Amino acid sequence: KTVLSKKLSEGPHGLGDPDDRSLRK
């Protein structure tokens, strides 16, 4: 369980998808 969305908590180190190009506010 995590408070972050999957997009921000996945990836090789749990830091987010390296290929995601969307930007947060």
mmCIF file of all heavy atoms, coordinates in Angstrom:
data_MODEL
# 
_entry.id   MODEL 
# 
loop_
_atom_site.group_PDB 
_atom_site.id 
_atom_site.type_symbol 
_atom_site.label_atom_id 
_atom_site.label_alt_id 
_atom_site.label_comp_id 
_atom_site.label_asym_id 
_atom_site.label_entity_id 
_atom_site.label_seq_id 
_atom_site.pdbx_PDB_ins_code 
_atom_site.Cartn_x 
_atom_site.Cartn_y 
_atom_site.Cartn_z 
_atom_site.occupancy 
_atom_site.B_iso_or_equiv 
_atom_site.pdbx_formal_charge 
_atom_site.auth_seq_id 
_atom_site.auth_comp_id 
_atom_site.auth_asym_id 
_atom_site.auth_atom_id 
_atom_site.pdbx_PDB_model_num 
ATOM 1   N N   . LYS A 1 1  ? 0.839  -1.196 0.000   1.00 0.00 ? 1  LYS A N   1 
ATOM 2   C CA  . LYS A 1 1  ? 0.000  0.000  0.000   1.00 0.00 ? 1  LYS A CA  1 
ATOM 3   C C   . LYS A 1 1  ? 0.876  1.249  0.000   1.00 0.00 ? 1  LYS A C   1 
ATOM 4   O O   . LYS A 1 1  ? 1.918  1.288  0.650   1.00 0.00 ? 1  LYS A O   1 
ATOM 5   C CB  . LYS A 1 1  ? -0.897 0.032  1.245   1.00 0.00 ? 1  LYS A CB  1 
ATOM 6   C CG  . LYS A 1 1  ? -1.821 -1.141 1.358   1.00 0.00 ? 1  LYS A CG  1 
ATOM 7   C CD  . LYS A 1 1  ? -3.026 -0.937 0.504   1.00 0.00 ? 1  LYS A CD  1 
ATOM 8   C CE  . LYS A 1 1  ? -4.002 -2.084 0.733   1.00 0.00 ? 1  LYS A CE  1 
ATOM 9   N NZ  . LYS A 1 1  ? -5.021 -2.156 -0.212  1.00 0.00 ? 1  LYS A NZ  1 
ATOM 10  N N   . THR A 1 2  ? 0.439  2.268  -0.750  1.00 0.00 ? 2  THR A N   1 
ATOM 11  C CA  . THR A 1 2  ? 1.171  3.524  -0.816  1.00 0.00 ? 2  THR A CA  1 
ATOM 12  C C   . THR A 1 2  ? 0.200  4.671  -1.042  1.00 0.00 ? 2  THR A C   1 
ATOM 13  O O   . THR A 1 2  ? -0.884 4.465  -1.588  1.00 0.00 ? 2  THR A O   1 
ATOM 14  C CB  . THR A 1 2  ? 2.239  3.504  -1.939  1.00 0.00 ? 2  THR A CB  1 
ATOM 15  O OG1 . THR A 1 2  ? 2.885  4.762  -1.983  1.00 0.00 ? 2  THR A OG1 1 
ATOM 16  C CG2 . THR A 1 2  ? 1.648  3.186  -3.282  1.00 0.00 ? 2  THR A CG2 1 
ATOM 17  N N   . VAL A 1 3  ? 0.560  5.858  -0.595  1.00 0.00 ? 3  VAL A N   1 
ATOM 18  C CA  . VAL A 1 3  ? -0.300 7.028  -0.808  1.00 0.00 ? 3  VAL A CA  1 
ATOM 19  C C   . VAL A 1 3  ? -0.071 7.623  -2.191  1.00 0.00 ? 3  VAL A C   1 
ATOM 20  O O   . VAL A 1 3  ? -0.870 8.415  -2.666  1.00 0.00 ? 3  VAL A O   1 
ATOM 21  C CB  . VAL A 1 3  ? -0.069 8.117  0.270   1.00 0.00 ? 3  VAL A CB  1 
ATOM 22  C CG1 . VAL A 1 3  ? -0.537 7.628  1.612   1.00 0.00 ? 3  VAL A CG1 1 
ATOM 23  C CG2 . VAL A 1 3  ? 1.374  8.545  0.313   1.00 0.00 ? 3  VAL A CG2 1 
ATOM 24  N N   . LEU A 1 4  ? 1.010  7.246  -2.838  1.00 0.00 ? 4  LEU A N   1 
ATOM 25  C CA  . LEU A 1 4  ? 1.329  7.758  -4.163  1.00 0.00 ? 4  LEU A CA  1 
ATOM 26  C C   . LEU A 1 4  ? 0.596  6.960  -5.234  1.00 0.00 ? 4  LEU A C   1 
ATOM 27  O O   . LEU A 1 4  ? 0.333  5.768  -5.065  1.00 0.00 ? 4  LEU A O   1 
ATOM 28  C CB  . LEU A 1 4  ? 2.834  7.673  -4.427  1.00 0.00 ? 4  LEU A CB  1 
ATOM 29  C CG  . LEU A 1 4  ? 3.730  8.499  -3.520  1.00 0.00 ? 4  LEU A CG  1 
ATOM 30  C CD1 . LEU A 1 4  ? 5.189  8.148  -3.777  1.00 0.00 ? 4  LEU A CD1 1 
ATOM 31  C CD2 . LEU A 1 4  ? 3.499  9.972  -3.735  1.00 0.00 ? 4  LEU A CD2 1 
ATOM 32  N N   . SER A 1 5  ? 0.304  7.606  -6.344  1.00 0.00 ? 5  SER A N   1 
ATOM 33  C CA  . SER A 1 5  ? -0.300 6.885  -7.454  1.00 0.00 ? 5  SER A CA  1 
ATOM 34  C C   . SER A 1 5  ? 0.721  5.914  -8.034  1.00 0.00 ? 5  SER A C   1 
ATOM 35  O O   . SER A 1 5  ? 1.921  6.054  -7.825  1.00 0.00 ? 5  SER A O   1 
ATOM 36  C CB  . SER A 1 5  ? -0.754 7.870  -8.535  1.00 0.00 ? 5  SER A CB  1 
ATOM 37  O OG  . SER A 1 5  ? 0.361  8.438  -9.181  1.00 0.00 ? 5  SER A OG  1 
ATOM 38  N N   . LYS A 1 6  ? 0.231  4.911  -8.772  1.00 0.00 ? 6  LYS A N   1 
ATOM 39  C CA  . LYS A 1 6  ? 1.129  3.921  -9.377  1.00 0.00 ? 6  LYS A CA  1 
ATOM 40  C C   . LYS A 1 6  ? 2.187  4.595  -10.250 1.00 0.00 ? 6  LYS A C   1 
ATOM 41  O O   . LYS A 1 6  ? 3.341  4.201  -10.258 1.00 0.00 ? 6  LYS A O   1 
ATOM 42  C CB  . LYS A 1 6  ? 0.341  2.916  -10.205 1.00 0.00 ? 6  LYS A CB  1 
ATOM 43  C CG  . LYS A 1 6  ? -0.349 1.866  -9.387  1.00 0.00 ? 6  LYS A CG  1 
ATOM 44  C CD  . LYS A 1 6  ? -0.830 0.757  -10.307 1.00 0.00 ? 6  LYS A CD  1 
ATOM 45  C CE  . LYS A 1 6  ? -1.375 -0.394 -9.535  1.00 0.00 ? 6  LYS A CE  1 
ATOM 46  N NZ  . LYS A 1 6  ? -0.358 -1.283 -9.039  1.00 0.00 ? 6  LYS A NZ  1 
ATOM 47  N N   . LYS A 1 7  ? 1.765  5.640  -10.961 1.00 0.00 ? 7  LYS A N   1 
ATOM 48  C CA  . LYS A 1 7  ? 2.674  6.351  -11.870 1.00 0.00 ? 7  LYS A CA  1 
ATOM 49  C C   . LYS A 1 7  ? 3.885  6.920  -11.117 1.00 0.00 ? 7  LYS A C   1 
ATOM 50  O O   . LYS A 1 7  ? 4.984  6.976  -11.645 1.00 0.00 ? 7  LYS A O   1 
ATOM 51  C CB  . LYS A 1 7  ? 1.887  7.479  -12.553 1.00 0.00 ? 7  LYS A CB  1 
ATOM 52  C CG  . LYS A 1 7  ? 2.685  8.309  -13.508 1.00 0.00 ? 7  LYS A CG  1 
ATOM 53  C CD  . LYS A 1 7  ? 1.809  9.223  -14.329 1.00 0.00 ? 7  LYS A CD  1 
ATOM 54  C CE  . LYS A 1 7  ? 1.230  10.332 -13.500 1.00 0.00 ? 7  LYS A CE  1 
ATOM 55  N NZ  . LYS A 1 7  ? 0.557  11.347 -14.305 1.00 0.00 ? 7  LYS A NZ  1 
ATOM 56  N N   . LEU A 1 8  ? 3.675  7.314  -9.855  1.00 0.00 ? 8  LEU A N   1 
ATOM 57  C CA  . LEU A 1 8  ? 4.759  7.925  -9.078  1.00 0.00 ? 8  LEU A CA  1 
ATOM 58  C C   . LEU A 1 8  ? 5.495  6.937  -8.177  1.00 0.00 ? 8  LEU A C   1 
ATOM 59  O O   . LEU A 1 8  ? 6.496  7.299  -7.561  1.00 0.00 ? 8  LEU A O   1 
ATOM 60  C CB  . LEU A 1 8  ? 4.200  9.072  -8.228  1.00 0.00 ? 8  LEU A CB  1 
ATOM 61  C CG  . LEU A 1 8  ? 3.597  10.233 -8.993  1.00 0.00 ? 8  LEU A CG  1 
ATOM 62  C CD1 . LEU A 1 8  ? 2.964  11.229 -8.042  1.00 0.00 ? 8  LEU A CD1 1 
ATOM 63  C CD2 . LEU A 1 8  ? 4.636  10.922 -9.860  1.00 0.00 ? 8  LEU A CD2 1 
ATOM 64  N N   . SER A 1 9  ? 4.982  5.712  -8.068  1.00 0.00 ? 9  SER A N   1 
ATOM 65  C CA  . SER A 1 9  ? 5.625  4.771  -7.146  1.00 0.00 ? 9  SER A CA  1 
ATOM 66  C C   . SER A 1 9  ? 6.137  3.509  -7.818  1.00 0.00 ? 9  SER A C   1 
ATOM 67  O O   . SER A 1 9  ? 6.662  2.637  -7.147  1.00 0.00 ? 9  SER A O   1 
ATOM 68  C CB  . SER A 1 9  ? 4.644  4.395  -6.030  1.00 0.00 ? 9  SER A CB  1 
ATOM 69  O OG  . SER A 1 9  ? 3.509  3.749  -6.567  1.00 0.00 ? 9  SER A OG  1 
ATOM 70  N N   . GLU A 1 10 ? 6.005  3.401  -9.119  1.00 0.00 ? 10 GLU A N   1 
ATOM 71  C CA  . GLU A 1 10 ? 6.525  2.231  -9.814  1.00 0.00 ? 10 GLU A CA  1 
ATOM 72  C C   . GLU A 1 10 ? 7.958  2.494  -10.266 1.00 0.00 ? 10 GLU A C   1 
ATOM 73  O O   . GLU A 1 10 ? 8.612  3.370  -9.759  1.00 0.00 ? 10 GLU A O   1 
ATOM 74  C CB  . GLU A 1 10 ? 5.613  1.877  -10.993 1.00 0.00 ? 10 GLU A CB  1 
ATOM 75  C CG  . GLU A 1 10 ? 4.273  1.328  -10.545 1.00 0.00 ? 10 GLU A CG  1 
ATOM 76  C CD  . GLU A 1 10 ? 3.401  0.881  -11.697 1.00 0.00 ? 10 GLU A CD  1 
ATOM 77  O OE1 . GLU A 1 10 ? 3.575  1.396  -12.814 1.00 0.00 ? 10 GLU A OE1 1 
ATOM 78  O OE2 . GLU A 1 10 ? 2.554  0.013  -11.471 1.00 0.00 ? 10 GLU A OE2 1 
ATOM 79  N N   . GLY A 1 11 ? 8.418  1.756  -11.225 1.00 0.00 ? 11 GLY A N   1 
ATOM 80  C CA  . GLY A 1 11 ? 9.771  1.938  -11.734 1.00 0.00 ? 11 GLY A CA  1 
ATOM 81  C C   . GLY A 1 11 ? 10.766 1.080  -10.986 1.00 0.00 ? 11 GLY A C   1 
ATOM 82  O O   . GLY A 1 11 ? 10.441 0.451  -9.984  1.00 0.00 ? 11 GLY A O   1 
ATOM 83  N N   . PRO A 1 12 ? 12.004 1.055  -11.451 1.00 0.00 ? 12 PRO A N   1 
ATOM 84  C CA  . PRO A 1 12 ? 13.024 0.158  -10.890 1.00 0.00 ? 12 PRO A CA  1 
ATOM 85  C C   . PRO A 1 12 ? 13.340 0.406  -9.416  1.00 0.00 ? 12 PRO A C   1 
ATOM 86  O O   . PRO A 1 12 ? 13.709 -0.502 -8.693  1.00 0.00 ? 12 PRO A O   1 
ATOM 87  C CB  . PRO A 1 12 ? 14.261 0.395  -11.757 1.00 0.00 ? 12 PRO A CB  1 
ATOM 88  C CG  . PRO A 1 12 ? 13.931 1.477  -12.696 1.00 0.00 ? 12 PRO A CG  1 
ATOM 89  C CD  . PRO A 1 12 ? 12.498 1.812  -12.577 1.00 0.00 ? 12 PRO A CD  1 
ATOM 90  N N   . HIS A 1 13 ? 13.191 1.644  -8.941  1.00 0.00 ? 13 HIS A N   1 
ATOM 91  C CA  . HIS A 1 13 ? 13.526 1.960  -7.549  1.00 0.00 ? 13 HIS A CA  1 
ATOM 92  C C   . HIS A 1 13 ? 12.328 2.483  -6.780  1.00 0.00 ? 13 HIS A C   1 
ATOM 93  O O   . HIS A 1 13 ? 12.489 3.078  -5.718  1.00 0.00 ? 13 HIS A O   1 
ATOM 94  C CB  . HIS A 1 13 ? 14.664 2.990  -7.507  1.00 0.00 ? 13 HIS A CB  1 
ATOM 95  C CG  . HIS A 1 13 ? 15.945 2.464  -8.075  1.00 0.00 ? 13 HIS A CG  1 
ATOM 96  N ND1 . HIS A 1 13 ? 16.793 1.645  -7.380  1.00 0.00 ? 13 HIS A ND1 1 
ATOM 97  C CD2 . HIS A 1 13 ? 16.498 2.623  -9.301  1.00 0.00 ? 13 HIS A CD2 1 
ATOM 98  C CE1 . HIS A 1 13 ? 17.835 1.329  -8.143  1.00 0.00 ? 13 HIS A CE1 1 
ATOM 99  N NE2 . HIS A 1 13 ? 17.678 1.900  -9.319  1.00 0.00 ? 13 HIS A NE2 1 
ATOM 100 N N   . GLY A 1 14 ? 11.126 2.325  -7.328  1.00 0.00 ? 14 GLY A N   1 
ATOM 101 C CA  . GLY A 1 14 ? 9.927  2.811  -6.672  1.00 0.00 ? 14 GLY A CA  1 
ATOM 102 C C   . GLY A 1 14 ? 9.824  4.329  -6.682  1.00 0.00 ? 14 GLY A C   1 
ATOM 103 O O   . GLY A 1 14 ? 9.163  4.929  -5.847  1.00 0.00 ? 14 GLY A O   1 
ATOM 104 N N   . LEU A 1 15 ? 10.514 4.959  -7.632  1.00 0.00 ? 15 LEU A N   1 
ATOM 105 C CA  . LEU A 1 15 ? 10.548 6.427  -7.717  1.00 0.00 ? 15 LEU A CA  1 
ATOM 106 C C   . LEU A 1 15 ? 9.693  6.961  -8.855  1.00 0.00 ? 15 LEU A C   1 
ATOM 107 O O   . LEU A 1 15 ? 9.696  8.163  -9.107  1.00 0.00 ? 15 LEU A O   1 
ATOM 108 C CB  . LEU A 1 15 ? 11.997 6.903  -7.899  1.00 0.00 ? 15 LEU A CB  1 
ATOM 109 C CG  . LEU A 1 15 ? 12.948 6.508  -6.774  1.00 0.00 ? 15 LEU A CG  1 
ATOM 110 C CD1 . LEU A 1 15 ? 14.386 6.779  -7.162  1.00 0.00 ? 15 LEU A CD1 1 
ATOM 111 C CD2 . LEU A 1 15 ? 12.580 7.244  -5.503  1.00 0.00 ? 15 LEU A CD2 1 
ATOM 112 N N   . GLY A 1 16 ? 9.002  6.080  -9.557  1.00 0.00 ? 16 GLY A N   1 
ATOM 113 C CA  . GLY A 1 16 ? 8.176  6.489  -10.681 1.00 0.00 ? 16 GLY A CA  1 
ATOM 114 C C   . GLY A 1 16 ? 8.687  5.895  -11.978 1.00 0.00 ? 16 GLY A C   1 
ATOM 115 O O   . GLY A 1 16 ? 9.828  5.439  -12.072 1.00 0.00 ? 16 GLY A O   1 
ATOM 116 N N   . ASP A 1 17 ? 7.837  5.904  -12.966 1.00 0.00 ? 17 ASP A N   1 
ATOM 117 C CA  . ASP A 1 17 ? 8.168  5.374  -14.279 1.00 0.00 ? 17 ASP A CA  1 
ATOM 118 C C   . ASP A 1 17 ? 9.178  6.304  -14.970 1.00 0.00 ? 17 ASP A C   1 
ATOM 119 O O   . ASP A 1 17 ? 8.879  7.466  -15.201 1.00 0.00 ? 17 ASP A O   1 
ATOM 120 C CB  . ASP A 1 17 ? 6.890  5.268  -15.113 1.00 0.00 ? 17 ASP A CB  1 
ATOM 121 C CG  . ASP A 1 17 ? 7.142  4.755  -16.521 1.00 0.00 ? 17 ASP A CG  1 
ATOM 122 O OD1 . ASP A 1 17 ? 8.277  4.315  -16.808 1.00 0.00 ? 17 ASP A OD1 1 
ATOM 123 O OD2 . ASP A 1 17 ? 6.195  4.803  -17.331 1.00 0.00 ? 17 ASP A OD2 1 
ATOM 124 N N   . PRO A 1 18 ? 10.365 5.801  -15.302 1.00 0.00 ? 18 PRO A N   1 
ATOM 125 C CA  . PRO A 1 18 ? 11.380 6.640  -15.953 1.00 0.00 ? 18 PRO A CA  1 
ATOM 126 C C   . PRO A 1 18 ? 10.943 7.183  -17.311 1.00 0.00 ? 18 PRO A C   1 
ATOM 127 O O   . PRO A 1 18 ? 11.434 8.220  -17.750 1.00 0.00 ? 18 PRO A O   1 
ATOM 128 C CB  . PRO A 1 18 ? 12.587 5.716  -16.119 1.00 0.00 ? 18 PRO A CB  1 
ATOM 129 C CG  . PRO A 1 18 ? 12.361 4.581  -15.206 1.00 0.00 ? 18 PRO A CG  1 
ATOM 130 C CD  . PRO A 1 18 ? 10.878 4.462  -15.026 1.00 0.00 ? 18 PRO A CD  1 
ATOM 131 N N   . ASP A 1 19 ? 10.015 6.497  -17.971 1.00 0.00 ? 19 ASP A N   1 
ATOM 132 C CA  . ASP A 1 19 ? 9.585  6.915  -19.305 1.00 0.00 ? 19 ASP A CA  1 
ATOM 133 C C   . ASP A 1 19 ? 8.359  7.823  -19.282 1.00 0.00 ? 19 ASP A C   1 
ATOM 134 O O   . ASP A 1 19 ? 7.909  8.277  -20.333 1.00 0.00 ? 19 ASP A O   1 
ATOM 135 C CB  . ASP A 1 19 ? 9.311  5.685  -20.170 1.00 0.00 ? 19 ASP A CB  1 
ATOM 136 C CG  . ASP A 1 19 ? 10.567 4.843  -20.342 1.00 0.00 ? 19 ASP A CG  1 
ATOM 137 O OD1 . ASP A 1 19 ? 11.658 5.426  -20.469 1.00 0.00 ? 19 ASP A OD1 1 
ATOM 138 O OD2 . ASP A 1 19 ? 10.447 3.600  -20.327 1.00 0.00 ? 19 ASP A OD2 1 
ATOM 139 N N   . ASP A 1 20 ? 7.821  8.089  -18.099 1.00 0.00 ? 20 ASP A N   1 
ATOM 140 C CA  . ASP A 1 20 ? 6.651  8.965  -17.969 1.00 0.00 ? 20 ASP A CA  1 
ATOM 141 C C   . ASP A 1 20 ? 7.078  10.406 -18.253 1.00 0.00 ? 20 ASP A C   1 
ATOM 142 O O   . ASP A 1 20 ? 8.021  10.911 -17.667 1.00 0.00 ? 20 ASP A O   1 
ATOM 143 C CB  . ASP A 1 20 ? 6.080  8.855  -16.556 1.00 0.00 ? 20 ASP A CB  1 
ATOM 144 C CG  . ASP A 1 20 ? 4.923  9.800  -16.327 1.00 0.00 ? 20 ASP A CG  1 
ATOM 145 O OD1 . ASP A 1 20 ? 4.166  10.056 -17.289 1.00 0.00 ? 20 ASP A OD1 1 
ATOM 146 O OD2 . ASP A 1 20 ? 4.776  10.285 -15.192 1.00 0.00 ? 20 ASP A OD2 1 
ATOM 147 N N   . ARG A 1 21 ? 6.378  11.073 -19.175 1.00 0.00 ? 21 ARG A N   1 
ATOM 148 C CA  . ARG A 1 21 ? 6.731  12.445 -19.539 1.00 0.00 ? 21 ARG A CA  1 
ATOM 149 C C   . ARG A 1 21 ? 5.708  13.464 -19.044 1.00 0.00 ? 21 ARG A C   1 
ATOM 150 O O   . ARG A 1 21 ? 5.790  14.639 -19.366 1.00 0.00 ? 21 ARG A O   1 
ATOM 151 C CB  . ARG A 1 21 ? 6.904  12.548 -21.054 1.00 0.00 ? 21 ARG A CB  1 
ATOM 152 C CG  . ARG A 1 21 ? 8.096  11.693 -21.536 1.00 0.00 ? 21 ARG A CG  1 
ATOM 153 C CD  . ARG A 1 21 ? 8.442  11.895 -22.967 1.00 0.00 ? 21 ARG A CD  1 
ATOM 154 N NE  . ARG A 1 21 ? 8.647  13.246 -23.379 1.00 0.00 ? 21 ARG A NE  1 
ATOM 155 C CZ  . ARG A 1 21 ? 9.776  13.960 -23.221 1.00 0.00 ? 21 ARG A CZ  1 
ATOM 156 N NH1 . ARG A 1 21 ? 10.797 13.418 -22.616 1.00 0.00 ? 21 ARG A NH1 1 
ATOM 157 N NH2 . ARG A 1 21 ? 9.857  15.193 -23.663 1.00 0.00 ? 21 ARG A NH2 1 
ATOM 158 N N   . SER A 1 22 ? 4.743  13.005 -18.239 1.00 0.00 ? 22 SER A N   1 
ATOM 159 C CA  . SER A 1 22 ? 3.771  13.954 -17.700 1.00 0.00 ? 22 SER A CA  1 
ATOM 160 C C   . SER A 1 22 ? 4.427  14.746 -16.571 1.00 0.00 ? 22 SER A C   1 
ATOM 161 O O   . SER A 1 22 ? 5.349  14.265 -15.914 1.00 0.00 ? 22 SER A O   1 
ATOM 162 C CB  . SER A 1 22 ? 2.533  13.214 -17.187 1.00 0.00 ? 22 SER A CB  1 
ATOM 163 O OG  . SER A 1 22 ? 2.874  12.362 -16.103 1.00 0.00 ? 22 SER A OG  1 
ATOM 164 N N   . LEU A 1 23 ? 3.958  15.963 -16.384 1.00 0.00 ? 23 LEU A N   1 
ATOM 165 C CA  . LEU A 1 23 ? 4.536  16.843 -15.367 1.00 0.00 ? 23 LEU A CA  1 
ATOM 166 C C   . LEU A 1 23 ? 3.487  17.191 -14.321 1.00 0.00 ? 23 LEU A C   1 
ATOM 167 O O   . LEU A 1 23 ? 2.351  17.502 -14.661 1.00 0.00 ? 23 LEU A O   1 
ATOM 168 C CB  . LEU A 1 23 ? 5.066  18.126 -16.010 1.00 0.00 ? 23 LEU A CB  1 
ATOM 169 C CG  . LEU A 1 23 ? 6.273  17.938 -16.915 1.00 0.00 ? 23 LEU A CG  1 
ATOM 170 C CD1 . LEU A 1 23 ? 6.475  19.161 -17.789 1.00 0.00 ? 23 LEU A CD1 1 
ATOM 171 C CD2 . LEU A 1 23 ? 7.509  17.680 -16.078 1.00 0.00 ? 23 LEU A CD2 1 
ATOM 172 N N   . ARG A 1 24 ? 3.888  17.159 -13.058 1.00 0.00 ? 24 ARG A N   1 
ATOM 173 C CA  . ARG A 1 24 ? 3.005  17.568 -11.975 1.00 0.00 ? 24 ARG A CA  1 
ATOM 174 C C   . ARG A 1 24 ? 3.003  19.094 -11.892 1.00 0.00 ? 24 ARG A C   1 
ATOM 175 O O   . ARG A 1 24 ? 3.885  19.764 -12.439 1.00 0.00 ? 24 ARG A O   1 
ATOM 176 C CB  . ARG A 1 24 ? 3.489  16.984 -10.645 1.00 0.00 ? 24 ARG A CB  1 
ATOM 177 C CG  . ARG A 1 24 ? 3.444  15.459 -10.622 1.00 0.00 ? 24 ARG A CG  1 
ATOM 178 C CD  . ARG A 1 24 ? 4.040  14.887 -9.369  1.00 0.00 ? 24 ARG A CD  1 
ATOM 179 N NE  . ARG A 1 24 ? 5.457  15.238 -9.323  1.00 0.00 ? 24 ARG A NE  1 
ATOM 180 C CZ  . ARG A 1 24 ? 6.140  15.492 -8.210  1.00 0.00 ? 24 ARG A CZ  1 
ATOM 181 N NH1 . ARG A 1 24 ? 5.565  15.417 -7.044  1.00 0.00 ? 24 ARG A NH1 1 
ATOM 182 N NH2 . ARG A 1 24 ? 7.420  15.807 -8.260  1.00 0.00 ? 24 ARG A NH2 1 
ATOM 183 N N   . LYS A 1 25 ? 2.035  19.627 -11.183 1.00 0.00 ? 25 LYS A N   1 
ATOM 184 C CA  . LYS A 1 25 ? 1.893  21.078 -11.052 1.00 0.00 ? 25 LYS A CA  1 
ATOM 185 C C   . LYS A 1 25 ? 3.158  21.698 -10.448 1.00 0.00 ? 25 LYS A C   1 
ATOM 186 O O   . LYS A 1 25 ? 3.644  22.722 -10.917 1.00 0.00 ? 25 LYS A O   1 
ATOM 187 C CB  . LYS A 1 25 ? 0.677  21.391 -10.183 1.00 0.00 ? 25 LYS A CB  1 
ATOM 188 C CG  . LYS A 1 25 ? 0.356  22.854 -10.083 1.00 0.00 ? 25 LYS A CG  1 
ATOM 189 C CD  . LYS A 1 25 ? -0.931 23.083 -9.307  1.00 0.00 ? 25 LYS A CD  1 
ATOM 190 C CE  . LYS A 1 25 ? -1.235 24.567 -9.267  1.00 0.00 ? 25 LYS A CE  1 
ATOM 191 N NZ  . LYS A 1 25 ? -2.506 24.838 -8.600  1.00 0.00 ? 25 LYS A NZ  1 
# 
